[in-house]
C-alpha atoms as a PDB file:
ATOM      1  CA  MET A   1      10.133 -15.226  15.663  1.00  0.00           C
ATOM      2  CA  THR A   2       8.832 -18.247  17.494  1.00  0.00           C
ATOM      3  CA  GLN A   3       6.533 -20.820  15.956  1.00  0.00           C
ATOM      4  CA  GLU A   4       3.796 -19.628  18.297  1.00  0.00           C
ATOM      5  CA  GLU A   5       4.217 -16.001  17.192  1.00  0.00           C
ATOM      6  CA  LEU A   6       4.193 -16.943  13.514  1.00  0.00           C
ATOM      7  CA  ALA A   7       1.142 -19.153  13.932  1.00  0.00           C
ATOM      8  CA  GLU A   8      -0.725 -16.342  15.690  1.00  0.00           C
ATOM      9  CA  LYS A   9       0.189 -13.787  13.017  1.00  0.00           C
ATOM     10  CA  CYS A  10      -0.883 -16.218  10.274  1.00  0.00           C
ATOM     11  CA  ASN A  11      -4.102 -17.083  12.101  1.00  0.00           C
ATOM     12  CA  LEU A  12      -3.013 -20.744  12.254  1.00  0.00           C
ATOM     13  CA  THR A  13      -2.616 -23.155  15.123  1.00  0.00           C
ATOM     14  CA  THR A  14       0.896 -24.100  16.154  1.00  0.00           C
ATOM     15  CA  GLU A  15      -0.042 -27.716  15.438  1.00  0.00           C
ATOM     16  CA  TYR A  16      -0.974 -26.902  11.845  1.00  0.00           C
ATOM     17  CA  LEU A  17       2.159 -24.806  11.331  1.00  0.00           C
ATOM     18  CA  SER A  18       4.236 -27.693  12.685  1.00  0.00           C
ATOM     19  CA  LYS A  19       2.564 -30.062  10.220  1.00  0.00           C
ATOM     20  CA  ILE A  20       3.449 -27.677   7.378  1.00  0.00           C
ATOM     21  CA  GLU A  21       7.069 -27.631   8.526  1.00  0.00           C
ATOM     22  CA  ASN A  22       7.164 -31.422   8.677  1.00  0.00           C
ATOM     23  CA  GLY A  23       5.457 -31.942   5.315  1.00  0.00           C
ATOM     24  CA  LYS A  24       2.421 -33.644   6.832  1.00  0.00           C
ATOM     25  CA  VAL A  25      -0.096 -31.204   5.321  1.00  0.00           C
ATOM     26  CA  HIS A  26      -0.205 -29.252   2.075  1.00  0.00           C
ATOM     27  CA  PRO A  27      -1.123 -25.623   2.766  1.00  0.00           C
ATOM     28  CA  THR A  28      -2.765 -23.401   0.209  1.00  0.00           C
ATOM     29  CA  ILE A  29      -0.690 -20.995  -1.856  1.00  0.00           C
ATOM     30  CA  SER A  30      -2.383 -18.187   0.057  1.00  0.00           C
ATOM     31  CA  THR A  31      -1.199 -19.621   3.376  1.00  0.00           C
ATOM     32  CA  LEU A  32       2.332 -20.080   2.024  1.00  0.00           C
ATOM     33  CA  ALA A  33       2.326 -16.518   0.709  1.00  0.00           C
ATOM     34  CA  ASN A  34       1.233 -15.212   4.095  1.00  0.00           C
ATOM     35  CA  ILE A  35       3.951 -17.164   5.917  1.00  0.00           C
ATOM     36  CA  CYS A  36       6.597 -15.999   3.458  1.00  0.00           C
ATOM     37  CA  GLU A  37       5.502 -12.381   3.754  1.00  0.00           C
ATOM     38  CA  LEU A  38       5.708 -12.488   7.534  1.00  0.00           C
ATOM     39  CA  LEU A  39       9.159 -14.093   7.369  1.00  0.00           C
ATOM     40  CA  ASP A  40      10.319 -11.619   4.702  1.00  0.00           C
ATOM     41  CA  PHE A  41      11.062 -14.535   2.385  1.00  0.00           C
ATOM     42  CA  ASP A  42      10.627 -14.585  -1.401  1.00  0.00           C
ATOM     43  CA  MET A  43       8.021 -17.260  -2.091  1.00  0.00           C
ATOM     44  CA  SER A  44       9.570 -18.019  -5.473  1.00  0.00           C
ATOM     45  CA  GLU A  45      12.521 -19.536  -3.595  1.00  0.00           C
ATOM     46  CA  LEU A  46      10.192 -22.328  -2.435  1.00  0.00           C
ATOM     47  CA  PHE A  47       9.698 -23.357  -6.043  1.00  0.00           C
ATOM     48  CA  SER A  48      13.169 -22.641  -7.402  1.00  0.00           C
ATOM     49  CA  GLY A  49      13.897 -26.334  -8.074  1.00  0.00           C
ATOM     50  CA  VAL A  50      10.697 -26.916 -10.054  1.00  0.00           C
ATOM     51  CA  ILE A  51       9.924 -26.117 -13.671  1.00  0.00           C
ATOM     52  CA  VAL A  52       6.732 -26.602 -15.620  1.00  0.00           C
ATOM     53  CA  GLY A  53       6.981 -29.106 -18.452  1.00  0.00           C
ATOM     54  CA  LEU A  54       6.687 -27.850 -22.007  1.00  0.00           C
ATOM     55  CA  SER A  55       3.370 -28.387 -23.784  1.00  0.00           C
ATOM     56  CA  ASN A  56       4.964 -30.903 -26.151  1.00  0.00           C
ATOM     57  CA  TYR A  57       6.540 -32.798 -23.263  1.00  0.00           C
ATOM     58  CA  ARG A  58       4.831 -36.059 -22.314  1.00  0.00           C
ATOM     59  CA  ASN A  59       4.352 -35.080 -18.684  1.00  0.00           C
ATOM     60  CA  GLU A  60       2.435 -31.808 -18.276  1.00  0.00           C
ATOM     61  CA  ASN A  61       2.993 -31.789 -14.500  1.00  0.00           C
ATOM     62  CA  ALA A  62       5.780 -29.908 -12.782  1.00  0.00           C
ATOM     63  CA  VAL A  63       9.040 -31.810 -12.920  1.00  0.00           C
ATOM     64  CA  SER A  64      12.188 -31.529 -10.865  1.00  0.00           C
ATOM     65  CA  ARG A  65      15.035 -29.700 -12.518  1.00  0.00           C
ATOM     66  CA  THR A  66      18.259 -31.657 -12.645  1.00  0.00           C
ATOM     67  CA  SER A  67      21.347 -29.703 -11.718  1.00  0.00           C
END
């Protein structure tokens, strides 16, 4: 599928889709879910390297998992 086809199916501009690909914009979870669905990709794979800190951990934000 071309970038143009994906953008059209997601109701996005090709410019915006390109910015997502290049990390220049932060799309909504809904937009990511739509892109993943159209690409037949499991969205959880996007977040596979991230875990949520425990409530007793000093940083309550998501932290990178060390391998």
